[in-house]
Protein backbone atom coordinates (compact mmCIF):
# COMPACT_ATOMS: atom_id res chain seq x y z
CA MET A 1 16.57 -20.56 55.91
CA GLN A 2 19.25 -18.60 54.30
CA LYS A 3 22.11 -18.28 56.40
CA PRO A 4 24.23 -14.68 57.22
CA GLU A 5 27.20 -15.36 55.40
CA ASN A 6 25.29 -16.95 52.05
CA ALA A 7 23.14 -14.05 51.43
CA ASN A 8 23.52 -11.51 48.75
CA PRO A 9 23.51 -7.76 49.42
CA HIS A 10 21.30 -6.61 45.32
CA ALA A 11 19.20 -10.01 45.82
CA SER A 12 16.00 -10.34 47.75
CA ALA A 13 17.26 -7.72 50.65
CA SER A 14 13.79 -7.10 52.26
CA ILE A 15 12.83 -11.13 52.23
CA ARG A 16 15.72 -10.92 54.76
CA ILE A 17 14.35 -8.33 56.81
CA ALA A 18 15.24 -10.05 59.96
CA MET A 19 18.20 -11.13 59.46
CA LEU A 20 22.42 -10.37 60.32
CA ALA A 21 32.37 -1.06 66.37
CA MET A 22 35.09 1.40 65.17
CA LEU A 23 38.23 -0.79 64.99
CA ALA A 24 39.46 0.33 68.69
CA SER A 25 36.18 -1.56 69.96
CA ILE A 26 36.65 -3.42 73.07
CA LEU A 27 35.43 -6.84 71.49
CA THR A 28 34.73 -9.22 74.58
CA LEU A 29 33.81 -13.12 73.96
CA GLY A 30 29.86 -13.63 75.02
CA ALA A 31 29.06 -16.43 77.81
CA ASN A 32 28.51 -19.32 75.58
CA ALA A 33 29.51 -21.83 77.92
CA PHE A 34 26.30 -21.35 80.50
CA ALA A 35 23.72 -21.32 77.92
CA GLN A 36 20.71 -22.45 79.40
CA THR A 37 17.84 -24.68 78.14
CA LEU A 38 13.83 -22.84 78.30
CA PRO A 39 11.28 -25.06 78.87
CA PRO A 40 8.95 -25.51 76.33
CA SER A 41 5.07 -24.45 77.53
CA GLN A 42 5.50 -20.66 77.20
CA TYR A 43 5.06 -20.59 73.33
CA ILE A 44 2.44 -20.86 71.33
CA SER A 45 2.21 -21.40 67.28
CA PHE A 46 -0.34 -19.90 65.01
CA ASP A 47 -0.41 -19.50 60.79
CA ALA A 48 -2.17 -16.77 59.20
CA PRO A 49 -5.84 -17.19 57.49
CA ASN A 50 -5.32 -19.17 53.94
CA ALA A 51 -1.33 -19.84 54.60
CA GLY A 52 -0.01 -22.31 52.29
CA THR A 53 1.44 -25.65 53.34
CA GLY A 54 4.02 -26.58 50.89
CA GLN A 55 7.37 -26.00 51.17
CA TYR A 56 8.32 -21.92 51.43
CA GLN A 57 5.10 -21.46 51.88
CA GLY A 58 2.96 -20.32 55.52
CA THR A 59 3.84 -17.91 58.06
CA GLY A 60 6.39 -15.44 58.94
CA PRO A 61 6.52 -13.21 61.51
CA SER A 62 9.08 -10.38 61.23
CA SER A 63 7.94 -7.61 64.26
CA ILE A 64 6.35 -7.23 67.34
CA ASN A 65 5.03 -3.92 68.97
CA ARG A 66 4.84 -3.56 72.69
CA GLN A 67 1.29 -4.03 73.09
CA GLY A 68 1.96 -7.96 71.22
CA TRP A 69 0.80 -6.73 67.90
CA ILE A 70 2.82 -8.75 65.28
CA GLY A 71 3.31 -7.84 61.68
CA GLY A 72 4.93 -10.32 59.07
CA THR A 73 3.94 -11.94 55.97
CA VAL A 74 1.82 -15.15 54.64
CA VAL A 75 2.79 -17.39 51.61
CA TYR A 76 -0.38 -18.71 49.75
CA SER A 77 -0.38 -21.93 48.25
CA THR A 78 -0.26 -20.29 44.94
CA GLY A 79 2.90 -18.99 45.85
CA ALA A 80 1.79 -15.00 46.53
CA SER A 81 2.67 -13.26 49.48
CA HIS A 82 0.45 -10.67 51.55
CA GLY A 83 1.08 -8.68 54.80
CA PHE A 84 -0.53 -9.37 57.94
CA LEU A 85 -1.16 -7.80 61.21
CA ARG A 86 -2.39 -10.20 63.91
CA LYS A 87 -4.05 -8.74 66.92
CA PRO A 88 -2.97 -9.82 70.68
CA ASN A 89 -6.67 -11.68 70.71
CA GLY A 90 -5.41 -13.80 67.79
CA ALA A 91 -7.57 -11.92 65.23
CA PHE A 92 -5.69 -10.89 61.92
CA ILE A 93 -5.68 -7.77 59.89
CA ALA A 94 -5.03 -8.36 56.19
CA VAL A 95 -2.52 -5.62 54.56
CA ASN A 96 -3.43 -5.39 50.87
CA PRO A 97 -2.76 -1.39 50.12
CA PRO A 98 -4.38 -0.24 46.55
CA ASN A 99 -2.86 -1.38 43.79
CA SER A 100 -1.06 -3.89 45.29
CA SER A 101 -0.47 -7.60 43.72
CA GLN A 102 1.66 -8.55 46.60
CA SER A 103 2.47 -7.00 49.79
CA PHE A 104 5.14 -7.59 52.74
CA VAL A 105 5.59 -6.46 55.99
CA ALA A 106 8.21 -5.65 57.71
CA ALA A 107 7.89 -3.08 60.91
CA ILE A 108 5.26 -1.59 62.61
CA ASN A 109 5.74 0.34 66.20
CA ASP A 110 3.97 1.16 69.45
CA SER A 111 1.42 2.87 67.81
CA ASN A 112 0.64 0.24 65.27
CA GLU A 113 1.67 1.96 62.45
CA ALA A 114 3.00 -0.48 59.87
CA THR A 115 5.36 -0.03 57.33
CA GLY A 116 6.81 -3.07 54.39
CA HIS A 117 6.66 -2.71 50.16
CA PHE A 118 4.15 -3.88 47.92
CA TYR A 119 4.03 -4.93 44.11
CA GLY A 120 2.37 -1.93 42.04
CA PRO A 121 1.41 -2.56 38.59
CA SER A 122 4.89 -0.87 37.55
CA ALA A 123 7.31 -1.05 40.38
CA THR A 124 7.70 -1.62 43.80
CA TYR A 125 6.68 0.67 46.34
CA GLY A 126 6.66 0.86 50.16
CA PHE A 127 3.51 1.66 52.09
CA LEU A 128 2.84 3.32 55.67
CA ARG A 129 -0.09 1.94 57.29
CA ASP A 130 -1.99 3.37 59.97
CA ALA A 131 -3.70 2.34 62.84
CA ALA A 132 -6.83 3.08 61.37
CA GLY A 133 -6.14 1.30 58.31
CA ASN A 134 -5.32 4.47 55.88
CA TYR A 135 -2.48 3.93 53.56
CA THR A 136 0.47 6.47 52.40
CA GLN A 137 2.32 5.36 49.47
CA LEU A 138 6.04 5.78 49.60
CA ALA A 139 8.47 5.89 46.54
CA VAL A 140 11.27 8.31 46.22
CA ALA A 141 11.70 10.07 42.93
CA GLY A 142 14.08 8.60 40.63
CA SER A 143 13.59 5.04 42.51
CA ASN A 144 12.48 1.37 40.66
CA THR A 145 11.81 -0.30 44.08
CA ASN A 146 11.61 0.63 47.65
CA ILE A 147 12.00 -1.04 50.52
CA PRO A 148 10.56 0.22 53.96
CA ALA A 149 12.42 -1.77 56.68
CA GLY A 150 12.00 0.33 60.22
CA ILE A 151 9.86 2.58 61.75
CA SER A 152 10.28 4.92 64.80
CA PRO A 153 7.71 5.36 67.71
CA THR A 154 6.81 8.92 66.06
CA GLY A 155 6.10 7.24 62.35
CA VAL A 156 9.62 7.92 61.11
CA VAL A 157 9.65 5.46 57.82
CA VAL A 158 13.18 4.11 57.28
CA GLY A 159 14.80 1.83 54.46
CA PHE A 160 16.16 1.74 50.83
CA TYR A 161 15.49 2.05 47.58
CA TYR A 162 17.19 0.86 44.43
CA ASP A 163 17.37 2.95 41.00
CA SER A 164 19.82 2.23 38.29
CA ILE A 165 22.80 2.84 40.36
CA GLY A 166 22.19 0.45 43.09
CA SER A 167 20.79 1.06 46.58
CA HIS A 168 20.72 3.73 48.88
CA GLY A 169 19.20 4.46 52.34
CA PHE A 170 16.21 6.88 53.02
CA LEU A 171 14.24 8.29 55.62
CA TRP A 172 10.17 9.44 55.32
CA ASP A 173 7.88 11.15 57.65
CA ALA A 174 4.62 13.18 56.51
CA LYS A 175 6.12 16.64 57.72
CA HIS A 176 9.36 16.58 55.58
CA GLY A 177 9.04 13.77 53.26
CA TYR A 178 12.08 12.28 51.68
CA THR A 179 15.65 12.29 52.73
CA VAL A 180 18.21 10.28 50.68
CA PHE A 181 21.52 9.15 51.80
CA ASP A 182 24.98 6.84 51.46
CA VAL A 183 27.00 5.97 53.45
CA PRO A 184 30.08 8.71 53.11
CA GLY A 185 33.38 6.22 51.70
CA SER A 186 31.07 3.45 50.52
CA LYS A 187 30.77 1.86 47.22
CA PRO A 188 28.27 3.78 45.33
CA GLY A 189 25.01 2.08 45.25
CA THR A 190 25.72 -0.36 48.34
CA THR A 191 24.03 1.78 51.65
CA LEU A 192 20.60 -0.26 53.24
CA ALA A 193 19.06 1.15 56.07
CA TYR A 194 17.47 -1.10 58.40
CA ALA A 195 16.12 0.17 61.70
CA ILE A 196 15.81 3.61 63.16
CA ASN A 197 15.03 4.62 66.68
CA SER A 198 13.04 7.02 68.85
CA SER A 199 15.87 9.58 68.73
CA GLY A 200 16.24 9.19 64.77
CA ALA A 201 19.36 7.23 64.77
CA ILE A 202 19.65 5.10 62.10
CA THR A 203 21.57 1.71 61.48
CA GLY A 204 22.47 -0.77 58.58
CA PHE A 205 25.00 -1.48 56.47
CA TYR A 206 27.02 -0.98 53.13
CA TYR A 207 29.91 -2.53 50.93
CA ASP A 208 33.58 -0.77 50.29
CA ASN A 209 35.27 -1.54 47.19
CA SER A 210 36.39 -4.70 47.74
CA ASN A 211 32.58 -5.78 48.43
CA TYR A 212 33.25 -6.11 52.16
CA SER A 213 30.15 -5.19 54.50
CA HIS A 214 29.76 -2.20 57.16
CA GLY A 215 27.45 -1.47 59.49
CA PHE A 216 27.04 2.00 60.64
CA VAL A 217 24.67 4.27 62.66
CA ARG A 218 23.71 7.41 61.06
CA SER A 219 22.50 10.04 64.13
CA GLY A 220 19.81 12.18 63.94
CA ASN A 221 21.40 15.00 62.99
CA GLY A 222 23.01 13.24 59.79
CA HIS A 223 26.53 11.79 61.64
CA PHE A 224 27.85 8.74 60.65
CA VAL A 225 29.67 6.32 62.31
CA THR A 226 30.66 3.21 60.78
CA PHE A 227 31.96 0.04 62.48
CA ASP A 228 32.83 -3.84 61.89
CA ALA A 229 31.40 -6.65 64.34
CA VAL A 230 34.82 -8.31 64.43
CA HIS A 231 38.26 -6.68 63.42
CA GLY A 232 39.86 -8.15 60.42
CA GLY A 233 36.18 -9.66 59.49
CA THR A 234 34.72 -9.51 55.90
CA ALA A 235 31.09 -9.17 56.68
CA THR A 236 29.21 -6.95 59.22
CA GLU A 237 25.43 -6.51 58.74
CA SER A 238 23.77 -4.22 61.43
CA THR A 239 20.17 -4.79 61.24
CA ALA A 240 18.60 -3.58 64.80
CA ILE A 241 18.82 -0.67 67.11
CA ASN A 242 17.34 0.72 70.37
CA ALA A 243 16.38 3.38 72.11
CA ASN A 244 19.67 3.53 74.12
CA GLY A 245 21.41 3.46 70.56
CA GLN A 246 22.14 -0.13 71.31
CA THR A 247 22.73 -2.10 68.36
CA THR A 248 22.89 -5.45 66.64
CA GLY A 249 23.54 -8.13 64.29
CA TRP A 250 25.86 -10.20 63.00
CA GLY A 251 29.24 -10.28 61.71
CA ASN A 252 32.16 -12.85 60.58
CA ASP A 253 35.72 -12.93 61.25
CA GLY A 254 36.70 -13.83 57.69
CA LEU A 255 37.66 -17.39 58.44
CA GLY A 256 34.65 -19.00 58.25
CA GLY A 257 33.00 -17.85 61.92
CA THR A 258 30.12 -16.01 62.24
CA ASP A 259 28.69 -13.96 65.65
CA GLY A 260 26.29 -11.90 66.63
CA PHE A 261 27.29 -8.78 68.66
CA LEU A 262 26.10 -6.37 70.40
CA ARG A 263 27.73 -2.52 69.78
CA ASN A 264 26.93 0.15 73.01
CA VAL A 265 26.67 3.95 71.66
CA GLY A 266 29.86 4.28 72.91
CA GLY A 267 31.71 1.98 70.12
CA ALA A 268 32.39 -1.03 72.50
CA ASN A 269 31.27 -4.09 70.89
CA THR A 270 30.48 -7.84 72.62
CA ILE A 271 30.61 -10.45 69.98
CA PHE A 272 28.26 -13.71 70.99
CA GLY A 273 27.25 -17.00 69.95
CA VAL A 274 25.79 -20.52 71.10
CA ALA A 275 28.62 -22.95 71.95
CA GLY A 276 28.97 -25.70 69.27
CA ALA A 277 27.05 -23.38 66.83
CA GLN A 278 28.73 -23.43 63.24
CA GLY A 279 27.46 -19.46 63.22
CA SER A 280 25.09 -17.23 65.65
CA ALA A 281 23.19 -14.29 64.69
CA ALA A 282 20.93 -11.75 66.42
CA ALA A 283 17.95 -10.44 64.84
CA ALA A 284 16.24 -8.11 67.26
CA ILE A 285 17.11 -5.99 70.43
CA ASN A 286 14.64 -4.17 73.19
CA ASP A 287 14.99 -1.16 74.91
CA SER A 288 15.96 -2.88 77.85
CA GLY A 289 18.91 -4.51 75.84
CA VAL A 290 17.57 -8.17 75.39
CA ILE A 291 18.12 -9.85 71.61
CA ALA A 292 16.51 -12.53 70.39
CA GLY A 293 18.50 -14.24 67.81
CA TYR A 294 19.54 -17.61 66.41
CA GLU A 295 22.20 -20.32 65.90
CA PHE A 296 22.51 -22.03 62.24
CA SER A 297 24.64 -24.69 60.56
CA ASP A 298 24.57 -25.41 57.05
CA GLY A 299 23.07 -28.57 57.17
CA GLY A 300 19.87 -27.10 58.73
CA GLY A 301 18.30 -27.42 62.09
CA ASP A 302 18.47 -23.37 62.91
CA ALA A 303 17.65 -22.75 66.41
CA PRO A 304 16.44 -19.23 68.12
CA PHE A 305 17.76 -17.96 71.54
CA GLU A 306 17.77 -14.98 74.02
CA ARG A 307 20.38 -13.31 75.09
CA ASP A 308 19.86 -11.19 78.50
CA GLN A 309 21.24 -8.29 79.76
CA SER A 310 24.16 -9.95 81.85
CA GLY A 311 25.22 -11.92 78.38
CA ASN A 312 23.74 -14.82 79.05
CA ILE A 313 21.85 -17.09 75.94
CA ILE A 314 18.89 -18.64 76.58
CA LEU A 315 18.39 -21.37 74.09
CA ILE A 316 14.52 -21.89 72.77
CA THR A 317 13.09 -25.01 72.21
CA LEU A 318 9.93 -24.64 71.13
CA PRO A 319 7.58 -27.39 71.78
CA PHE A 320 6.14 -28.08 67.83
CA SER A 321 7.74 -30.36 65.77
CA ASN A 322 10.02 -28.27 63.66
CA THR A 323 13.14 -29.34 61.35
CA ALA A 324 14.45 -25.33 61.70
CA SER A 325 13.32 -22.65 63.98
CA VAL A 326 14.53 -18.55 64.22
CA SER A 327 13.49 -15.59 66.15
CA SER A 328 12.53 -12.62 63.91
CA GLY A 329 11.95 -9.88 66.89
CA ILE A 330 11.60 -9.21 70.58
CA ASN A 331 9.43 -6.40 72.43
CA GLN A 332 9.73 -4.37 75.72
CA ALA A 333 7.68 -7.01 77.63
CA GLY A 334 9.97 -9.69 76.65
CA GLN A 335 7.57 -11.80 73.69
CA ILE A 336 9.57 -13.16 71.11
CA ILE A 337 8.60 -14.30 67.88
CA GLY A 338 10.14 -15.79 64.94
CA SER A 339 8.77 -18.85 62.33
CA TYR A 340 9.77 -22.73 62.40
CA ALA A 341 9.56 -25.27 59.29
CA ASP A 342 7.57 -28.43 59.92
CA ALA A 343 8.57 -31.68 57.86
CA ALA A 344 6.70 -30.89 54.48
CA GLY A 345 8.96 -27.33 54.52
CA ALA A 346 6.20 -24.92 55.47
CA ASN A 347 6.74 -22.31 58.06
CA HIS A 348 4.58 -21.10 60.47
CA GLY A 349 4.47 -18.91 63.17
CA TRP A 350 5.35 -19.00 67.33
CA VAL A 351 5.47 -16.62 69.81
CA GLY A 352 6.79 -16.93 73.51
CA VAL A 353 7.88 -15.39 76.78
CA PRO A 354 11.21 -16.73 78.03
């Protein structure tokens, strides 16, 4: 599994969906030493129909909504990828936009609207699938690749697109169409927008001229705030935002250490990680401030955790034999989703409530 510090900002950024303050922010260390181990009985494993069983094949959940609908992508034995929605009763819906050869689901909102991207005849397009199964194709004028990454409760889609310069952020809704943006002061073609909340605030990250990444929040009226998870670090990737404006993701300290972070709307930062782990990263946050994340090492054995509102880290032990596991989403009910790899290297989805 790809580790955050090894990620290439210009290659396959869409597949990492669901992976990752001001310099004067207050930095505090999370409660690593008090990590707890969760009993394994509250988790179930699932596979999308026709999921491949070979290495790098299988089921990859990316998002879960309040009702327990899950969006994700399945890789078949042929290597082709297709999006899916999983209902709370375990039934699956295939997500195949018109004229698509492959598709990928990034996010689903509480109205069961899903967004993601697909490979079309001549370009990579975004899509919005409404609750009735109707598709809207999304493509910014002049783009060659469009990667929607998040969707608001009201159906506003946020993501990034590529043109001859590089990547740029965009948001889209049915009434206003497209708004495109770059973070002020960013290296041209390096803005990546990943998530949007109910107030229209967007978070993501960008690169400077030294190729260091920094987090940003763009308010609903277009005002930008940029930040670093760790003072002196060389990488910050903010990938999730909740209704209260709290953001999360991961950052490094420039010395080889990687931690998750929680940034409050006022700019105060808390960094956290699993004690003894080589690195930790946050993947998602719900409106109560509960974070789903995972710890990792270069030698493998990645493992998921939950960080509660008080800062306690709960290690998640899955009841399925696996070589590595990560979390990728959390909903308001506290259900966490993720994927794990079996001995053959195939991926399987999981969902549970710590």
